[in-house]
Amino acid sequence: MIIDLNLFGKRAVVVGAGREAARKVESLLAEDCEVVVIAESVVDVIQRWADEQKVTLRLAHLTNGECLREFDRVILVMAVTNNLQLNRSIVATAKEMGCYAYSVDDPLCSDFSHPATINIYDIIQIAVSTGGRSPMVSGKIRELIEPALKKIIKKEDALQVKLQEKMRMAAKQKLSTSQERKQFLSAVYSDGEIRRLLSEEKLAEAEVLALKIIEQFIK
């Protein structure tokens, strides 16, 4: 089962800073959460994110999971070192702290598996998961389908997501039933003029038109 956690504004810790850790950090950055990286050394991209203040970097000699206790408000921990026992110690400490915990290549001690993800326009994420059975196969499938998906899903689809988000909020304020809200959002999605505006990246004009459509549903 794939669950999309709401990590906005929350703190997540990645322990380890190799290429695999960098992929995990990148996926967390797309969630607009506060990312802490703890490692003995880092790859260039993580150092760049730290220099740009996108992540908090803590360099430390790692022997167990006690390094986590330096940080409060942590909701999620990913152990991504190349040491199985160290990863398990990190997971054990994370669980003691009440965090969701993940260890790379060790699904039995993890609270969740981390799917291979495709990030499109930093708005749409598509996941490929084998439930932790084979992360390698998940990654290979991602490599196969990612180019095709990025051709199929256009910028206007990403803008439609932004528009739908705003119109959902408007619908909750103005429409009393879930059925009315669903019909309104479907009408916005299907409207040809709105689609044309989004294809021209005129999101503000599309919002104005969508707000006119909602009036048709107000009784």
N, C-alpha and C. Protein backbone atom coordinates (compact mmCIF):
# COMPACT_ATOMS: atom_id res chain seq x y z
N MET A 1 0.84 -1.19 0.00
CA MET A 1 0.00 0.00 0.00
C MET A 1 0.88 1.25 0.00
N ILE A 2 0.66 2.13 -0.96
CA ILE A 2 1.42 3.37 -1.04
C ILE A 2 0.63 4.48 -0.37
N ILE A 3 1.25 5.16 0.60
CA ILE A 3 0.61 6.26 1.31
C ILE A 3 1.44 7.52 1.11
N ASP A 4 0.78 8.60 0.77
CA ASP A 4 1.47 9.88 0.54
C ASP A 4 1.39 10.70 1.83
N LEU A 5 2.47 10.71 2.61
CA LEU A 5 2.48 11.43 3.87
C LEU A 5 2.53 12.94 3.64
N ASN A 6 1.83 13.67 4.49
CA ASN A 6 1.92 15.13 4.47
C ASN A 6 3.08 15.54 5.37
N LEU A 7 4.22 15.86 4.76
CA LEU A 7 5.42 16.22 5.52
C LEU A 7 5.68 17.72 5.52
N PHE A 8 4.75 18.50 5.00
CA PHE A 8 4.96 19.94 4.88
C PHE A 8 5.30 20.56 6.24
N GLY A 9 6.47 21.22 6.29
CA GLY A 9 6.88 21.91 7.50
C GLY A 9 7.40 21.02 8.60
N LYS A 10 7.40 19.71 8.39
CA LYS A 10 7.86 18.78 9.43
C LYS A 10 9.34 18.45 9.22
N ARG A 11 9.95 17.84 10.23
CA ARG A 11 11.39 17.55 10.17
C ARG A 11 11.63 16.08 9.87
N ALA A 12 12.47 15.83 8.88
CA ALA A 12 12.88 14.47 8.52
C ALA A 12 14.40 14.39 8.56
N VAL A 13 14.91 13.25 8.98
CA VAL A 13 16.36 13.06 9.09
C VAL A 13 16.79 11.92 8.17
N VAL A 14 17.83 12.17 7.38
CA VAL A 14 18.46 11.14 6.57
C VAL A 14 19.86 10.92 7.14
N VAL A 15 20.16 9.68 7.51
CA VAL A 15 21.49 9.36 8.03
C VAL A 15 22.25 8.62 6.93
N GLY A 16 23.34 9.23 6.49
CA GLY A 16 24.08 8.74 5.34
C GLY A 16 24.04 9.79 4.25
N ALA A 17 25.06 9.85 3.42
CA ALA A 17 25.09 10.92 2.42
C ALA A 17 25.79 10.48 1.14
N GLY A 18 25.53 9.25 0.72
CA GLY A 18 26.01 8.78 -0.57
C GLY A 18 24.98 9.05 -1.65
N ARG A 19 25.12 8.39 -2.79
CA ARG A 19 24.20 8.62 -3.91
C ARG A 19 22.77 8.20 -3.56
N GLU A 20 22.63 7.07 -2.85
CA GLU A 20 21.30 6.61 -2.47
C GLU A 20 20.65 7.60 -1.50
N ALA A 21 21.44 8.08 -0.55
CA ALA A 21 20.92 9.08 0.39
C ALA A 21 20.50 10.35 -0.35
N ALA A 22 21.27 10.73 -1.35
CA ALA A 22 20.94 11.94 -2.12
C ALA A 22 19.58 11.80 -2.79
N ARG A 23 19.26 10.60 -3.28
CA ARG A 23 17.95 10.38 -3.89
C ARG A 23 16.84 10.52 -2.85
N LYS A 24 17.09 10.02 -1.64
CA LYS A 24 16.10 10.14 -0.58
C LYS A 24 15.91 11.61 -0.19
N VAL A 25 17.01 12.34 -0.08
CA VAL A 25 16.93 13.76 0.27
C VAL A 25 16.16 14.53 -0.80
N GLU A 26 16.43 14.23 -2.06
CA GLU A 26 15.74 14.92 -3.15
C GLU A 26 14.23 14.71 -3.06
N SER A 27 13.82 13.48 -2.75
CA SER A 27 12.38 13.21 -2.65
C SER A 27 11.77 13.95 -1.47
N LEU A 28 12.52 14.10 -0.38
CA LEU A 28 12.01 14.84 0.78
C LEU A 28 11.92 16.33 0.49
N LEU A 29 12.88 16.86 -0.23
CA LEU A 29 12.85 18.29 -0.56
C LEU A 29 11.60 18.63 -1.37
N ALA A 30 11.15 17.69 -2.19
CA ALA A 30 9.94 17.92 -2.98
C ALA A 30 8.69 18.01 -2.10
N GLU A 31 8.80 17.55 -0.85
CA GLU A 31 7.67 17.57 0.08
C GLU A 31 7.64 18.84 0.94
N ASP A 32 8.58 19.75 0.71
CA ASP A 32 8.64 21.01 1.47
C ASP A 32 8.75 20.77 2.97
N CYS A 33 9.53 19.78 3.34
CA CYS A 33 9.76 19.55 4.76
C CYS A 33 11.18 19.99 5.12
N GLU A 34 11.45 20.05 6.41
CA GLU A 34 12.78 20.42 6.89
C GLU A 34 13.64 19.17 6.91
N VAL A 35 14.73 19.18 6.17
CA VAL A 35 15.56 17.98 6.01
C VAL A 35 16.89 18.16 6.73
N VAL A 36 17.21 17.18 7.58
CA VAL A 36 18.50 17.13 8.27
C VAL A 36 19.27 15.92 7.72
N VAL A 37 20.53 16.12 7.37
CA VAL A 37 21.38 15.03 6.91
C VAL A 37 22.51 14.85 7.92
N ILE A 38 22.67 13.63 8.41
CA ILE A 38 23.76 13.30 9.34
C ILE A 38 24.66 12.29 8.65
N ALA A 39 25.95 12.59 8.56
CA ALA A 39 26.86 11.70 7.84
C ALA A 39 28.30 12.00 8.21
N GLU A 40 29.18 11.07 7.88
CA GLU A 40 30.61 11.29 8.10
C GLU A 40 31.22 12.07 6.95
N SER A 41 30.69 11.88 5.74
CA SER A 41 31.12 12.63 4.57
C SER A 41 29.95 12.66 3.60
N VAL A 42 30.00 13.57 2.62
CA VAL A 42 28.83 13.73 1.76
C VAL A 42 29.24 13.79 0.29
N VAL A 43 28.31 13.41 -0.57
CA VAL A 43 28.51 13.60 -2.01
C VAL A 43 28.28 15.06 -2.35
N ASP A 44 28.74 15.46 -3.53
CA ASP A 44 28.73 16.88 -3.90
C ASP A 44 27.34 17.50 -3.87
N VAL A 45 26.33 16.76 -4.34
CA VAL A 45 25.00 17.36 -4.45
C VAL A 45 24.43 17.68 -3.07
N ILE A 46 24.69 16.82 -2.08
CA ILE A 46 24.20 17.11 -0.73
C ILE A 46 24.95 18.29 -0.13
N GLN A 47 26.25 18.38 -0.40
CA GLN A 47 27.00 19.54 0.08
C GLN A 47 26.47 20.82 -0.55
N ARG A 48 26.10 20.75 -1.83
CA ARG A 48 25.54 21.93 -2.50
C ARG A 48 24.21 22.33 -1.87
N TRP A 49 23.36 21.34 -1.57
CA TRP A 49 22.08 21.65 -0.92
C TRP A 49 22.31 22.28 0.45
N ALA A 50 23.34 21.80 1.14
CA ALA A 50 23.66 22.39 2.45
C ALA A 50 24.14 23.82 2.28
N ASP A 51 25.01 24.06 1.29
CA ASP A 51 25.51 25.41 1.04
C ASP A 51 24.37 26.36 0.66
N GLU A 52 23.36 25.82 -0.03
CA GLU A 52 22.20 26.62 -0.43
C GLU A 52 21.15 26.71 0.68
N GLN A 53 21.47 26.09 1.83
CA GLN A 53 20.59 26.09 3.00
C GLN A 53 19.25 25.39 2.73
N LYS A 54 19.28 24.44 1.82
CA LYS A 54 18.09 23.62 1.58
C LYS A 54 18.01 22.47 2.57
N VAL A 55 19.16 22.05 3.10
CA VAL A 55 19.20 21.01 4.12
C VAL A 55 20.13 21.46 5.24
N THR A 56 19.92 20.89 6.42
CA THR A 56 20.84 21.08 7.54
C THR A 56 21.80 19.89 7.56
N LEU A 57 23.09 20.16 7.48
CA LEU A 57 24.09 19.09 7.42
C LEU A 57 24.84 19.01 8.74
N ARG A 58 24.87 17.80 9.31
CA ARG A 58 25.60 17.56 10.56
C ARG A 58 26.62 16.47 10.29
N LEU A 59 27.91 16.84 10.24
CA LEU A 59 28.98 15.86 10.03
C LEU A 59 29.36 15.25 11.37
N ALA A 60 29.36 13.92 11.43
CA ALA A 60 29.64 13.24 12.70
C ALA A 60 30.14 11.83 12.43
N HIS A 61 30.95 11.32 13.34
CA HIS A 61 31.37 9.92 13.29
C HIS A 61 30.21 9.07 13.80
N LEU A 62 29.75 8.14 12.99
CA LEU A 62 28.54 7.38 13.30
C LEU A 62 28.88 5.99 13.80
N THR A 63 28.41 5.67 15.00
CA THR A 63 28.58 4.32 15.55
C THR A 63 27.26 3.69 15.95
N ASN A 64 26.23 4.53 16.17
CA ASN A 64 24.91 4.03 16.54
C ASN A 64 23.87 5.11 16.24
N GLY A 65 22.65 4.89 16.70
CA GLY A 65 21.58 5.81 16.37
C GLY A 65 21.44 6.99 17.31
N GLU A 66 22.32 7.11 18.30
CA GLU A 66 22.18 8.19 19.28
C GLU A 66 22.33 9.57 18.67
N CYS A 67 22.92 9.65 17.48
CA CYS A 67 23.06 10.95 16.81
C CYS A 67 21.71 11.61 16.55
N LEU A 68 20.65 10.82 16.51
CA LEU A 68 19.32 11.37 16.23
C LEU A 68 18.81 12.23 17.38
N ARG A 69 19.25 11.93 18.60
CA ARG A 69 18.67 12.59 19.77
C ARG A 69 19.05 14.06 19.88
N GLU A 70 19.97 14.48 19.04
CA GLU A 70 20.34 15.90 19.01
C GLU A 70 19.20 16.76 18.45
N PHE A 71 18.29 16.12 17.73
CA PHE A 71 17.25 16.88 17.03
C PHE A 71 15.87 16.55 17.60
N ASP A 72 15.06 17.59 17.78
CA ASP A 72 13.69 17.37 18.24
C ASP A 72 12.73 17.53 17.06
N ARG A 73 11.46 17.28 17.30
CA ARG A 73 10.39 17.43 16.31
C ARG A 73 10.58 16.56 15.07
N VAL A 74 11.35 15.49 15.20
CA VAL A 74 11.58 14.61 14.05
C VAL A 74 10.39 13.67 13.89
N ILE A 75 9.86 13.58 12.68
CA ILE A 75 8.72 12.69 12.43
C ILE A 75 9.12 11.47 11.62
N LEU A 76 10.20 11.58 10.84
CA LEU A 76 10.59 10.49 9.94
C LEU A 76 12.10 10.40 9.86
N VAL A 77 12.61 9.16 9.88
CA VAL A 77 14.06 8.93 9.81
C VAL A 77 14.34 7.88 8.73
N MET A 78 15.34 8.17 7.90
CA MET A 78 15.79 7.21 6.89
C MET A 78 17.26 6.88 7.15
N ALA A 79 17.53 5.60 7.38
CA ALA A 79 18.90 5.13 7.59
C ALA A 79 19.43 4.62 6.25
N VAL A 80 20.41 5.33 5.69
CA VAL A 80 20.86 5.02 4.33
C VAL A 80 22.38 4.93 4.31
N THR A 81 22.96 4.29 5.32
CA THR A 81 24.40 4.05 5.31
C THR A 81 24.66 2.69 4.65
N ASN A 82 25.93 2.35 4.46
CA ASN A 82 26.27 1.04 3.89
C ASN A 82 26.58 0.01 4.97
N ASN A 83 26.15 0.29 6.21
CA ASN A 83 26.40 -0.59 7.34
C ASN A 83 25.06 -1.08 7.89
N LEU A 84 24.75 -2.34 7.70
CA LEU A 84 23.45 -2.89 8.08
C LEU A 84 23.18 -2.73 9.58
N GLN A 85 24.17 -3.04 10.42
CA GLN A 85 23.96 -2.95 11.86
C GLN A 85 23.78 -1.51 12.31
N LEU A 86 24.52 -0.60 11.70
CA LEU A 86 24.34 0.82 12.03
C LEU A 86 22.94 1.28 11.63
N ASN A 87 22.50 0.87 10.45
CA ASN A 87 21.15 1.23 10.02
C ASN A 87 20.10 0.73 11.00
N ARG A 88 20.28 -0.50 11.48
CA ARG A 88 19.31 -1.06 12.42
C ARG A 88 19.34 -0.32 13.76
N SER A 89 20.51 0.11 14.18
CA SER A 89 20.60 0.90 15.41
C SER A 89 19.89 2.24 15.24
N ILE A 90 20.06 2.84 14.07
CA ILE A 90 19.39 4.12 13.78
C ILE A 90 17.87 3.93 13.80
N VAL A 91 17.40 2.86 13.18
CA VAL A 91 15.96 2.58 13.15
C VAL A 91 15.43 2.35 14.57
N ALA A 92 16.17 1.60 15.37
CA ALA A 92 15.73 1.33 16.74
C ALA A 92 15.60 2.62 17.54
N THR A 93 16.59 3.50 17.41
CA THR A 93 16.54 4.78 18.12
C THR A 93 15.38 5.63 17.61
N ALA A 94 15.19 5.64 16.30
CA ALA A 94 14.09 6.42 15.72
C ALA A 94 12.75 5.95 16.27
N LYS A 95 12.56 4.65 16.38
CA LYS A 95 11.30 4.14 16.90
C LYS A 95 11.12 4.49 18.38
N GLU A 96 12.22 4.48 19.14
CA GLU A 96 12.14 4.91 20.53
C GLU A 96 11.70 6.36 20.64
N MET A 97 12.07 7.17 19.64
CA MET A 97 11.71 8.59 19.62
C MET A 97 10.30 8.82 19.05
N GLY A 98 9.64 7.73 18.64
CA GLY A 98 8.30 7.86 18.10
C GLY A 98 8.24 8.27 16.65
N CYS A 99 9.32 8.02 15.90
CA CYS A 99 9.39 8.41 14.49
C CYS A 99 9.05 7.22 13.59
N TYR A 100 8.57 7.52 12.39
CA TYR A 100 8.52 6.52 11.34
C TYR A 100 9.95 6.28 10.89
N ALA A 101 10.32 5.00 10.70
CA ALA A 101 11.71 4.68 10.42
C ALA A 101 11.84 3.78 9.20
N TYR A 102 12.91 4.02 8.44
CA TYR A 102 13.19 3.25 7.22
C TYR A 102 14.67 2.93 7.17
N SER A 103 14.98 1.68 6.81
CA SER A 103 16.36 1.27 6.61
C SER A 103 16.52 0.73 5.20
N VAL A 104 17.49 1.25 4.48
CA VAL A 104 17.69 0.85 3.09
C VAL A 104 17.98 -0.65 3.02
N ASP A 105 17.34 -1.32 2.08
CA ASP A 105 17.55 -2.76 1.84
C ASP A 105 17.26 -3.63 3.05
N ASP A 106 16.39 -3.16 3.95
CA ASP A 106 16.08 -3.93 5.16
C ASP A 106 14.60 -3.76 5.51
N PRO A 107 13.71 -4.29 4.66
CA PRO A 107 12.27 -4.04 4.85
C PRO A 107 11.71 -4.60 6.14
N LEU A 108 12.32 -5.65 6.70
CA LEU A 108 11.76 -6.29 7.88
C LEU A 108 11.79 -5.37 9.10
N CYS A 109 12.78 -4.48 9.18
CA CYS A 109 12.84 -3.60 10.34
C CYS A 109 12.31 -2.20 10.04
N SER A 110 11.87 -1.97 8.80
CA SER A 110 11.38 -0.65 8.41
C SER A 110 9.87 -0.54 8.62
N ASP A 111 9.42 0.67 8.94
CA ASP A 111 7.99 0.92 9.07
C ASP A 111 7.32 1.09 7.71
N PHE A 112 8.10 1.37 6.69
CA PHE A 112 7.55 1.59 5.36
C PHE A 112 8.63 1.29 4.33
N SER A 113 8.20 1.08 3.09
CA SER A 113 9.16 0.97 1.99
C SER A 113 9.19 2.30 1.27
N HIS A 114 10.29 2.57 0.60
CA HIS A 114 10.44 3.84 -0.11
C HIS A 114 10.41 3.56 -1.60
N PRO A 115 9.32 3.92 -2.27
CA PRO A 115 9.20 3.57 -3.69
C PRO A 115 10.14 4.40 -4.56
N ALA A 116 10.39 3.88 -5.75
CA ALA A 116 11.09 4.68 -6.76
C ALA A 116 10.09 5.72 -7.28
N THR A 117 10.47 6.98 -7.27
CA THR A 117 9.53 8.04 -7.61
C THR A 117 9.96 8.80 -8.86
N ILE A 118 8.95 9.26 -9.57
CA ILE A 118 9.15 10.12 -10.74
C ILE A 118 8.55 11.47 -10.40
N ASN A 119 9.36 12.50 -10.43
CA ASN A 119 8.93 13.85 -10.06
C ASN A 119 8.74 14.68 -11.32
N ILE A 120 7.52 15.15 -11.53
CA ILE A 120 7.20 15.91 -12.75
C ILE A 120 6.78 17.32 -12.36
N TYR A 121 7.58 18.29 -12.75
CA TYR A 121 7.33 19.71 -12.48
C TYR A 121 7.24 20.02 -10.98
N ASP A 122 7.82 19.17 -10.13
CA ASP A 122 7.77 19.36 -8.68
C ASP A 122 6.34 19.45 -8.15
N ILE A 123 5.39 18.91 -8.89
CA ILE A 123 3.99 18.94 -8.49
C ILE A 123 3.38 17.55 -8.50
N ILE A 124 3.71 16.78 -9.51
CA ILE A 124 3.14 15.44 -9.67
C ILE A 124 4.23 14.42 -9.37
N GLN A 125 3.94 13.52 -8.44
CA GLN A 125 4.86 12.43 -8.13
C GLN A 125 4.19 11.10 -8.44
N ILE A 126 4.91 10.25 -9.15
CA ILE A 126 4.41 8.93 -9.50
C ILE A 126 5.36 7.91 -8.89
N ALA A 127 4.80 6.94 -8.16
CA ALA A 127 5.63 5.99 -7.42
C ALA A 127 5.56 4.60 -8.04
N VAL A 128 6.70 3.91 -8.01
CA VAL A 128 6.78 2.51 -8.41
C VAL A 128 7.29 1.73 -7.21
N SER A 129 6.49 0.79 -6.72
CA SER A 129 6.86 0.07 -5.51
C SER A 129 6.71 -1.43 -5.68
N THR A 130 7.64 -2.17 -5.09
CA THR A 130 7.51 -3.62 -4.98
C THR A 130 7.28 -4.01 -3.53
N GLY A 131 6.86 -3.04 -2.71
CA GLY A 131 6.62 -3.31 -1.30
C GLY A 131 7.89 -3.67 -0.54
N GLY A 132 9.02 -3.15 -1.01
CA GLY A 132 10.30 -3.44 -0.36
C GLY A 132 10.94 -4.73 -0.81
N ARG A 133 10.27 -5.49 -1.68
CA ARG A 133 10.81 -6.78 -2.10
C ARG A 133 12.03 -6.64 -2.99
N SER A 134 12.02 -5.63 -3.87
CA SER A 134 13.17 -5.43 -4.76
C SER A 134 13.25 -3.97 -5.18
N PRO A 135 13.93 -3.13 -4.39
CA PRO A 135 14.12 -1.74 -4.78
C PRO A 135 14.81 -1.60 -6.14
N MET A 136 15.69 -2.57 -6.48
CA MET A 136 16.37 -2.49 -7.76
C MET A 136 15.38 -2.58 -8.92
N VAL A 137 14.42 -3.51 -8.82
CA VAL A 137 13.43 -3.65 -9.88
C VAL A 137 12.55 -2.41 -9.96
N SER A 138 12.18 -1.86 -8.80
CA SER A 138 11.41 -0.61 -8.80
C SER A 138 12.15 0.48 -9.57
N GLY A 139 13.46 0.58 -9.29
CA GLY A 139 14.26 1.59 -9.98
C GLY A 139 14.36 1.35 -11.47
N LYS A 140 14.50 0.08 -11.86
CA LYS A 140 14.59 -0.25 -13.29
C LYS A 140 13.29 0.09 -14.01
N ILE A 141 12.15 -0.23 -13.37
CA ILE A 141 10.86 0.10 -13.98
C ILE A 141 10.70 1.61 -14.10
N ARG A 142 11.12 2.33 -13.06
CA ARG A 142 11.07 3.80 -13.13
C ARG A 142 11.85 4.31 -14.34
N GLU A 143 13.04 3.77 -14.54
CA GLU A 143 13.86 4.21 -15.67
C GLU A 143 13.18 3.92 -17.00
N LEU A 144 12.42 2.82 -17.06
CA LEU A 144 11.73 2.47 -18.30
C LEU A 144 10.57 3.41 -18.61
N ILE A 145 9.80 3.77 -17.58
CA ILE A 145 8.56 4.52 -17.83
C ILE A 145 8.71 6.03 -17.69
N GLU A 146 9.76 6.49 -17.03
CA GLU A 146 9.89 7.93 -16.78
C GLU A 146 9.91 8.77 -18.06
N PRO A 147 10.71 8.40 -19.08
CA PRO A 147 10.71 9.24 -20.29
C PRO A 147 9.33 9.33 -20.95
N ALA A 148 8.60 8.21 -20.98
CA ALA A 148 7.27 8.22 -21.60
C ALA A 148 6.30 9.08 -20.81
N LEU A 149 6.33 8.96 -19.48
CA LEU A 149 5.41 9.74 -18.65
C LEU A 149 5.67 11.24 -18.77
N LYS A 150 6.93 11.61 -18.90
CA LYS A 150 7.26 13.03 -19.01
C LYS A 150 6.85 13.60 -20.37
N LYS A 151 6.63 12.73 -21.34
CA LYS A 151 6.08 13.18 -22.62
C LYS A 151 4.56 13.27 -22.56
N ILE A 152 3.94 12.35 -21.83
CA ILE A 152 2.47 12.30 -21.74
C ILE A 152 1.93 13.42 -20.86
N ILE A 153 2.58 13.65 -19.72
CA ILE A 153 2.09 14.64 -18.74
C ILE A 153 2.70 16.00 -19.08
N LYS A 154 1.85 16.94 -19.43
CA LYS A 154 2.28 18.25 -19.90
C LYS A 154 2.30 19.26 -18.75
N LYS A 155 2.87 20.43 -19.04
CA LYS A 155 2.89 21.50 -18.05
C LYS A 155 1.47 21.91 -17.66
N GLU A 156 0.55 21.86 -18.62
CA GLU A 156 -0.83 22.24 -18.32
C GLU A 156 -1.46 21.29 -17.30
N ASP A 157 -1.02 20.02 -17.27
CA ASP A 157 -1.53 19.09 -16.27
C ASP A 157 -1.07 19.50 -14.87
N ALA A 158 0.18 19.93 -14.78
CA ALA A 158 0.69 20.39 -13.49
C ALA A 158 -0.04 21.66 -13.05
N LEU A 159 -0.32 22.56 -13.99
CA LEU A 159 -1.06 23.77 -13.65
C LEU A 159 -2.50 23.44 -13.28
N GLN A 160 -3.06 22.39 -13.88
CA GLN A 160 -4.40 21.96 -13.51
C GLN A 160 -4.43 21.52 -12.04
N VAL A 161 -3.36 20.88 -11.59
CA VAL A 161 -3.28 20.49 -10.18
C VAL A 161 -3.33 21.73 -9.29
N LYS A 162 -2.55 22.75 -9.64
CA LYS A 162 -2.56 23.99 -8.86
C LYS A 162 -3.94 24.63 -8.86
N LEU A 163 -4.58 24.64 -10.02
CA LEU A 163 -5.92 25.23 -10.13
C LEU A 163 -6.92 24.44 -9.30
N GLN A 164 -6.87 23.12 -9.39
CA GLN A 164 -7.80 22.28 -8.63
C GLN A 164 -7.62 22.48 -7.13
N GLU A 165 -6.38 22.65 -6.69
CA GLU A 165 -6.13 22.87 -5.27
C GLU A 165 -6.85 24.14 -4.78
N LYS A 166 -6.72 25.22 -5.56
CA LYS A 166 -7.37 26.48 -5.17
C LYS A 166 -8.88 26.38 -5.25
N MET A 167 -9.38 25.69 -6.29
CA MET A 167 -10.82 25.59 -6.45
C MET A 167 -11.44 24.66 -5.40
N ARG A 168 -10.69 23.69 -4.92
CA ARG A 168 -11.20 22.85 -3.82
C ARG A 168 -11.46 23.70 -2.59
N MET A 169 -10.54 24.61 -2.31
CA MET A 169 -10.72 25.50 -1.15
C MET A 169 -11.93 26.40 -1.35
N ALA A 170 -12.09 26.93 -2.57
CA ALA A 170 -13.24 27.79 -2.86
C ALA A 170 -14.54 27.00 -2.76
N ALA A 171 -14.52 25.77 -3.25
CA ALA A 171 -15.73 24.94 -3.23
C ALA A 171 -16.15 24.60 -1.80
N LYS A 172 -15.18 24.37 -0.92
CA LYS A 172 -15.51 24.05 0.47
C LYS A 172 -16.21 25.23 1.15
N GLN A 173 -15.89 26.43 0.71
CA GLN A 173 -16.50 27.63 1.30
C GLN A 173 -17.88 27.92 0.73
N LYS A 174 -18.09 27.57 -0.55
CA LYS A 174 -19.30 28.02 -1.23
C LYS A 174 -20.32 26.92 -1.52
N LEU A 175 -19.88 25.67 -1.57
CA LEU A 175 -20.79 24.58 -1.92
C LEU A 175 -20.99 23.68 -0.71
N SER A 176 -22.23 23.35 -0.43
CA SER A 176 -22.55 22.69 0.84
C SER A 176 -22.39 21.18 0.82
N THR A 177 -22.48 20.54 -0.36
CA THR A 177 -22.41 19.08 -0.39
C THR A 177 -21.18 18.60 -1.16
N SER A 178 -20.73 17.41 -0.82
CA SER A 178 -19.57 16.84 -1.50
C SER A 178 -19.89 16.54 -2.96
N GLN A 179 -21.15 16.20 -3.25
CA GLN A 179 -21.54 15.93 -4.63
C GLN A 179 -21.43 17.19 -5.49
N GLU A 180 -21.88 18.32 -4.95
CA GLU A 180 -21.77 19.59 -5.69
C GLU A 180 -20.30 19.95 -5.92
N ARG A 181 -19.49 19.75 -4.90
CA ARG A 181 -18.07 20.09 -5.03
C ARG A 181 -17.40 19.21 -6.09
N LYS A 182 -17.75 17.93 -6.09
CA LYS A 182 -17.19 17.01 -7.07
C LYS A 182 -17.60 17.40 -8.49
N GLN A 183 -18.86 17.74 -8.67
CA GLN A 183 -19.35 18.14 -9.99
C GLN A 183 -18.68 19.42 -10.47
N PHE A 184 -18.50 20.37 -9.55
CA PHE A 184 -17.84 21.62 -9.90
C PHE A 184 -16.40 21.39 -10.34
N LEU A 185 -15.65 20.62 -9.56
CA LEU A 185 -14.25 20.37 -9.89
C LEU A 185 -14.12 19.62 -11.21
N SER A 186 -15.05 18.72 -11.47
CA SER A 186 -15.05 18.00 -12.75
C SER A 186 -15.33 18.96 -13.90
N ALA A 187 -16.24 19.91 -13.68
CA ALA A 187 -16.55 20.90 -14.72
C ALA A 187 -15.34 21.77 -15.02
N VAL A 188 -14.61 22.15 -13.98
CA VAL A 188 -13.39 22.94 -14.18
C VAL A 188 -12.37 22.15 -14.98
N TYR A 189 -12.20 20.89 -14.62
CA TYR A 189 -11.22 20.04 -15.30
C TYR A 189 -11.56 19.87 -16.78
N SER A 190 -12.85 19.76 -17.08
CA SER A 190 -13.27 19.46 -18.46
C SER A 190 -13.45 20.70 -19.33
N ASP A 191 -13.46 21.87 -18.74
CA ASP A 191 -13.75 23.09 -19.49
C ASP A 191 -12.68 23.36 -20.55
N GLY A 192 -13.10 23.48 -21.80
CA GLY A 192 -12.16 23.66 -22.89
C GLY A 192 -11.40 24.97 -22.83
N GLU A 193 -12.07 26.05 -22.43
CA GLU A 193 -11.39 27.34 -22.36
C GLU A 193 -10.35 27.36 -21.25
N ILE A 194 -10.67 26.73 -20.13
CA ILE A 194 -9.69 26.63 -19.05
C ILE A 194 -8.48 25.82 -19.51
N ARG A 195 -8.73 24.74 -20.22
CA ARG A 195 -7.62 23.94 -20.73
C ARG A 195 -6.73 24.76 -21.67
N ARG A 196 -7.37 25.58 -22.50
CA ARG A 196 -6.59 26.42 -23.42
C ARG A 196 -5.72 27.41 -22.64
N LEU A 197 -6.30 28.04 -21.64
CA LEU A 197 -5.55 29.00 -20.84
C LEU A 197 -4.37 28.33 -20.13
N LEU A 198 -4.59 27.14 -19.61
CA LEU A 198 -3.51 26.45 -18.92
C LEU A 198 -2.41 26.03 -19.90
N SER A 199 -2.80 25.66 -21.11
CA SER A 199 -1.80 25.29 -22.12
C SER A 199 -0.92 26.48 -22.48
N GLU A 200 -1.47 27.69 -22.29
CA GLU A 200 -0.71 28.92 -22.53
C GLU A 200 -0.10 29.47 -21.24
N GLU A 201 -0.19 28.67 -20.17
CA GLU A 201 0.37 29.00 -18.85
C GLU A 201 -0.24 30.27 -18.27
N LYS A 202 -1.53 30.47 -18.52
CA LYS A 202 -2.26 31.63 -18.00
C LYS A 202 -3.11 31.17 -16.81
N LEU A 203 -2.43 30.83 -15.73
CA LEU A 203 -3.11 30.26 -14.57
C LEU A 203 -4.07 31.26 -13.93
N ALA A 204 -3.65 32.51 -13.81
CA ALA A 204 -4.50 33.52 -13.16
C ALA A 204 -5.82 33.70 -13.92
N GLU A 205 -5.76 33.72 -15.25
CA GLU A 205 -6.98 33.86 -16.04
C GLU A 205 -7.86 32.62 -15.90
N ALA A 206 -7.24 31.46 -15.81
CA ALA A 206 -8.00 30.23 -15.62
C ALA A 206 -8.72 30.24 -14.27
N GLU A 207 -8.08 30.80 -13.26
CA GLU A 207 -8.71 30.90 -11.93
C GLU A 207 -9.95 31.79 -11.99
N VAL A 208 -9.86 32.90 -12.70
CA VAL A 208 -11.01 33.81 -12.82
C VAL A 208 -12.18 33.09 -13.48
N LEU A 209 -11.91 32.35 -14.54
CA LEU A 209 -12.97 31.63 -15.24
C LEU A 209 -13.56 30.53 -14.36
N ALA A 210 -12.71 29.84 -13.62
CA ALA A 210 -13.19 28.77 -12.74
C ALA A 210 -14.11 29.32 -11.65
N LEU A 211 -13.79 30.50 -11.13
CA LEU A 211 -14.63 31.11 -10.11
C LEU A 211 -15.99 31.54 -10.67
N LYS A 212 -16.04 31.81 -11.96
CA LYS A 212 -17.33 32.10 -12.59
C LYS A 212 -18.15 30.82 -12.71
N ILE A 213 -17.48 29.71 -12.98
CA ILE A 213 -18.18 28.43 -13.12
C ILE A 213 -18.82 28.02 -11.80
N ILE A 214 -18.15 28.32 -10.69
CA ILE A 214 -18.69 27.88 -9.40
C ILE A 214 -20.04 28.53 -9.10
N GLU A 215 -20.27 29.71 -9.66
CA GLU A 215 -21.54 30.40 -9.42
C GLU A 215 -22.71 29.59 -9.97
N GLN A 216 -22.46 28.78 -10.99
CA GLN A 216 -23.52 27.97 -11.57
C GLN A 216 -23.99 26.87 -10.61
N PHE A 217 -23.16 26.56 -9.62
CA PHE A 217 -23.48 25.47 -8.69
C PHE A 217 -24.04 25.97 -7.36
N ILE A 218 -24.04 27.29 -7.17
CA ILE A 218 -24.54 27.85 -5.92
C ILE A 218 -26.06 27.98 -6.01
N LYS A 219 -26.74 27.39 -5.06
CA LYS A 219 -28.21 27.41 -5.07
C LYS A 219 -28.74 28.52 -4.17
